[in-house]
């Protein structure tokens, strides 16, 4: 598990969201998007055993079940505690994507229709050249390789489609699984952020991880099989 960006929506945003839960937003959740114009709608990213797609309001019950268990919620920003809370988060996420500030992909295993996790990207500047990213996946799907494959797709999307030059992520020092997963995909440990996460009255130090676009491209090239190479 990795620290994720804001689940919580403040009071003003919540009121605006409730007012703007209109037919246009609902239609956006039902449209299969293939365009590369991510502000208009996220593309579907296909992996070996799952897909990444735009969040839909109907994902709320599944996300509530998957992301509020103790083992999942331990090291992430407090998730909503109700279906309505997740519905508000999903609508907020769509609005922020339309504004060009934020991207959130739903993780949907083959054979299922509802999300079991999310990958998020949040702009750290006006141009989205620098971004924070994070993820949360139901514990039932830990150890399946879903994170590593999904993370690479999301980083590819951030670098190739959004044009991000730098991504950074945080994981609690005590979160061995999250730190190991980030190291595995090629993120570089850049420092320790002391007492940077508060959960249930306890302060946690976090590891700051970075991925730079140029390094990521070189890593991808090194993994491409050479024509005529002998295994």
Protein backbone atom coordinates (compact mmCIF):
# COMPACT_ATOMS: atom_id res chain seq x y z
CA UNK A 1 0.00 0.00 0.00
CA UNK A 2 1.08 3.50 -0.78
CA UNK A 3 0.04 6.86 0.58
CA UNK A 4 -2.62 8.26 -1.72
CA UNK A 5 -3.70 11.79 -2.48
CA UNK A 6 -6.83 13.44 -1.09
CA UNK A 7 -9.75 11.14 -0.50
CA UNK A 8 -11.47 13.77 1.60
CA UNK A 9 -13.40 16.62 -0.01
CA UNK A 10 -13.80 19.82 1.99
CA UNK A 11 -17.20 21.27 2.90
CA UNK A 12 -17.32 23.87 0.11
CA UNK A 13 -16.31 21.33 -2.54
CA UNK A 14 -18.85 18.83 -1.18
CA UNK A 15 -21.67 21.37 -1.55
CA UNK A 16 -20.57 22.21 -5.09
CA UNK A 17 -20.32 18.53 -5.98
CA UNK A 18 -23.83 17.81 -4.77
CA UNK A 19 -25.15 20.71 -6.87
CA UNK A 20 -23.20 19.61 -9.93
CA UNK A 21 -24.16 15.93 -9.83
CA UNK A 22 -25.96 16.41 -13.10
CA UNK A 23 -26.61 14.42 -16.26
CA UNK A 24 -23.33 15.56 -17.84
CA UNK A 25 -21.22 14.09 -15.05
CA UNK A 26 -23.22 10.86 -14.99
CA UNK A 27 -22.80 10.46 -18.74
CA UNK A 28 -19.05 10.85 -18.33
CA UNK A 29 -18.94 7.82 -16.03
CA UNK A 30 -20.64 5.61 -18.63
CA UNK A 31 -18.62 6.57 -21.70
CA UNK A 32 -15.88 4.26 -22.99
CA UNK A 33 -13.06 6.68 -23.80
CA UNK A 34 -10.38 5.98 -26.36
CA UNK A 35 -9.14 9.54 -26.93
CA UNK A 36 -5.70 10.70 -25.81
CA UNK A 37 -7.28 13.97 -24.60
CA UNK A 38 -7.19 12.92 -20.97
CA UNK A 39 -8.95 16.06 -19.72
CA UNK A 40 -12.01 15.02 -21.74
CA UNK A 41 -11.88 11.48 -20.40
CA UNK A 42 -9.33 8.85 -19.43
CA UNK A 43 -8.38 6.12 -21.89
CA UNK A 44 -8.70 2.45 -20.97
CA UNK A 45 -5.28 0.94 -20.24
CA UNK A 46 -5.16 -2.82 -20.72
CA UNK A 47 -2.96 -5.06 -18.56
CA UNK A 48 -2.55 -8.83 -18.58
CA UNK A 49 -5.31 -9.64 -16.06
CA UNK A 50 -7.02 -6.31 -15.44
CA UNK A 51 -7.78 -2.90 -16.90
CA UNK A 52 -7.36 0.66 -15.71
CA UNK A 53 -10.24 2.96 -16.57
CA UNK A 54 -12.07 6.10 -15.44
CA UNK A 55 -13.77 5.85 -12.07
CA UNK A 56 -17.56 5.45 -12.18
CA UNK A 57 -20.07 6.39 -9.50
CA UNK A 58 -21.17 2.75 -9.36
CA UNK A 59 -17.65 1.83 -8.17
CA UNK A 60 -18.40 3.40 -4.79
CA UNK A 61 -19.71 0.29 -2.95
CA UNK A 62 -16.79 -1.86 -4.13
CA UNK A 63 -14.20 0.78 -3.19
CA UNK A 64 -15.80 1.12 0.23
CA UNK A 65 -15.47 -2.63 0.78
CA UNK A 66 -11.92 -2.86 -0.58
CA UNK A 67 -10.20 0.27 0.75
CA UNK A 68 -11.57 0.68 4.27
CA UNK A 69 -10.24 -2.55 5.80
CA UNK A 70 -7.65 -2.12 8.54
CA UNK A 71 -4.76 -3.61 6.57
CA UNK A 72 -5.43 -1.36 3.56
CA UNK A 73 -6.28 1.88 5.36
CA UNK A 74 -3.37 1.66 7.81
CA UNK A 75 -0.90 3.75 5.80
CA UNK A 76 -3.08 5.85 3.50
CA UNK A 77 -5.02 9.10 3.82
CA UNK A 78 -8.31 8.33 5.59
CA UNK A 79 -10.76 7.01 2.97
CA UNK A 80 -14.47 7.85 3.01
CA UNK A 81 -16.49 5.73 5.40
CA UNK A 82 -19.72 5.55 3.40
CA UNK A 83 -20.85 4.77 -0.12
CA UNK A 84 -22.02 8.38 -0.42
CA UNK A 85 -18.56 9.58 0.58
CA UNK A 86 -16.95 7.53 -2.19
CA UNK A 87 -19.55 8.77 -4.68
CA UNK A 88 -18.63 12.35 -3.78
CA UNK A 89 -14.93 11.54 -4.13
CA UNK A 90 -15.50 10.00 -7.59
CA UNK A 91 -17.43 13.03 -8.84
CA UNK A 92 -14.78 15.34 -7.39
CA UNK A 93 -12.09 13.31 -9.18
CA UNK A 94 -13.87 13.74 -12.52
CA UNK A 95 -14.16 17.49 -12.00
CA UNK A 96 -10.48 17.77 -11.12
CA UNK A 97 -9.54 15.69 -14.18
CA UNK A 98 -11.61 17.98 -16.40
CA UNK A 99 -9.73 20.94 -14.91
CA UNK A 100 -6.40 19.25 -15.64
CA UNK A 101 -5.32 18.93 -12.01
CA UNK A 102 -5.78 15.27 -11.19
CA UNK A 103 -6.10 11.78 -12.65
CA UNK A 104 -7.57 8.71 -10.98
CA UNK A 105 -7.71 5.29 -12.64
CA UNK A 106 -9.92 2.49 -11.34
CA UNK A 107 -8.37 -0.99 -11.17
CA UNK A 108 -10.81 -3.58 -12.56
CA UNK A 109 -9.78 -7.27 -12.69
CA UNK A 110 -10.82 -9.36 -15.69
CA UNK A 111 -14.21 -10.92 -15.10
CA UNK A 112 -15.29 -8.11 -12.76
CA UNK A 113 -17.08 -4.83 -13.47
CA UNK A 114 -16.36 -2.82 -10.31
CA UNK A 115 -13.10 -1.27 -9.10
CA UNK A 116 -10.95 -3.01 -6.49
CA UNK A 117 -8.40 -0.20 -6.21
CA UNK A 118 -7.16 3.07 -7.63
CA UNK A 119 -4.04 4.74 -9.03
CA UNK A 120 -3.86 8.52 -8.63
CA UNK A 121 -1.80 11.36 -10.10
CA UNK A 122 -1.97 14.88 -8.66
CA UNK A 123 -0.31 17.88 -10.29
CA UNK A 124 2.24 19.64 -8.07
CA UNK A 125 2.44 22.65 -10.41
CA UNK A 126 0.21 24.35 -12.97
CA UNK A 127 1.71 22.50 -15.91
CA UNK A 128 1.65 18.95 -14.45
CA UNK A 129 5.42 18.73 -15.07
CA UNK A 130 5.77 17.54 -11.48
CA UNK A 131 3.22 15.24 -9.93
CA UNK A 132 2.59 13.14 -6.85
CA UNK A 133 1.24 9.65 -7.37
CA UNK A 134 -0.16 6.95 -5.18
CA UNK A 135 -2.26 3.83 -5.12
CA UNK A 136 -4.55 1.72 -3.00
CA UNK A 137 -5.60 -1.83 -3.83
CA UNK A 138 -7.78 -4.26 -1.89
CA UNK A 139 -5.68 -6.71 0.14
CA UNK A 140 -7.29 -9.66 -1.66
CA UNK A 141 -5.23 -8.62 -4.70
CA UNK A 142 -1.88 -8.07 -2.97
CA UNK A 143 0.92 -10.26 -4.23
CA UNK A 144 -0.71 -10.76 -7.64
CA UNK A 145 1.64 -8.44 -9.56
CA UNK A 146 -1.26 -6.08 -10.14
CA UNK A 147 0.56 -3.14 -8.56
CA UNK A 148 3.78 -3.49 -10.54
CA UNK A 149 2.04 -3.83 -13.90
CA UNK A 150 -0.51 -1.12 -13.16
CA UNK A 151 2.14 1.23 -11.81
CA UNK A 152 4.18 0.95 -15.00
CA UNK A 153 1.10 1.71 -17.10
CA UNK A 154 0.31 4.76 -14.98
CA UNK A 155 3.89 6.07 -15.08
CA UNK A 156 3.93 5.55 -18.87
CA UNK A 157 0.69 7.53 -19.07
CA UNK A 158 2.06 10.32 -16.88
CA UNK A 159 5.27 10.62 -18.90
CA UNK A 160 4.00 9.98 -22.44
CA UNK A 161 0.49 11.46 -22.38
CA UNK A 162 0.43 14.08 -19.64
CA UNK A 163 4.07 15.06 -20.18
CA UNK A 164 5.21 14.88 -16.56
CA UNK A 165 8.96 15.27 -16.02
CA UNK A 166 9.01 14.09 -12.41
CA UNK A 167 6.84 11.87 -10.23
CA UNK A 168 7.15 11.46 -6.52
CA UNK A 169 5.54 9.10 -4.06
CA UNK A 170 5.61 8.61 -0.31
CA UNK A 171 5.41 5.42 1.69
CA UNK A 172 5.57 5.04 5.47
CA UNK A 173 8.93 3.64 6.58
CA UNK A 174 7.04 0.84 8.35
CA UNK A 175 5.25 -0.05 5.11
CA UNK A 176 7.68 -2.67 3.83
CA UNK A 177 5.32 -3.91 1.11
CA UNK A 178 4.78 -0.43 -0.34
CA UNK A 179 8.46 0.49 -0.27
CA UNK A 180 9.48 -2.81 -1.83
CA UNK A 181 6.94 -2.36 -4.63
CA UNK A 182 8.17 1.13 -5.45
CA UNK A 183 11.78 -0.02 -5.49
CA UNK A 184 10.86 -2.93 -7.75
CA UNK A 185 9.47 -0.73 -10.51
CA UNK A 186 12.54 1.52 -10.52
CA UNK A 187 11.65 4.41 -8.20
CA UNK A 188 14.65 5.99 -6.45
CA UNK A 189 14.68 6.59 -2.70
CA UNK A 190 15.45 10.29 -2.23
CA UNK A 191 15.05 10.89 1.49
CA UNK A 192 13.06 10.46 4.69
CA UNK A 193 10.23 12.82 5.59
CA UNK A 194 10.07 12.81 9.37
CA UNK A 195 6.67 12.70 11.08
CA UNK A 196 4.96 13.46 7.76
CA UNK A 197 1.96 11.12 8.12
CA UNK A 198 -0.53 11.14 10.98
CA UNK A 199 -2.73 8.08 11.35
CA UNK A 200 -4.87 7.28 14.38
CA UNK A 201 -2.89 9.62 16.58
CA UNK A 202 0.47 8.12 15.56
CA UNK A 203 3.17 9.97 13.58
CA UNK A 204 4.93 8.03 10.83
CA UNK A 205 8.13 8.85 8.97
CA UNK A 206 7.80 8.42 5.20
CA UNK A 207 10.22 7.49 2.46
CA UNK A 208 10.21 9.93 -0.46
CA UNK A 209 10.55 8.14 -3.81
CA UNK A 210 11.19 9.81 -7.16
CA UNK A 211 10.91 8.86 -10.82
CA UNK A 212 12.37 11.17 -13.47
CA UNK A 213 11.01 10.93 -17.01
CA UNK A 214 14.41 10.63 -18.72
CA UNK A 215 15.45 7.81 -16.38
CA UNK A 216 12.13 6.06 -16.95
CA UNK A 217 12.55 6.16 -20.73
CA UNK A 218 16.06 4.70 -20.46
CA UNK A 219 14.74 1.95 -18.19
CA UNK A 220 12.07 1.07 -20.74
CA UNK A 221 14.63 0.93 -23.54
CA UNK A 222 16.82 -1.42 -21.54
CA UNK A 223 13.87 -3.81 -21.18
CA UNK A 224 13.00 -3.95 -24.88
CA UNK A 225 14.24 -7.25 -26.42
CA UNK A 226 16.82 -6.74 -29.16
CA UNK A 227 15.97 -8.05 -32.63
CA UNK A 228 17.86 -11.28 -33.21
CA UNK A 229 18.90 -11.61 -29.58
CA UNK A 230 19.47 -15.15 -28.35
CA UNK A 231 17.78 -16.10 -25.09
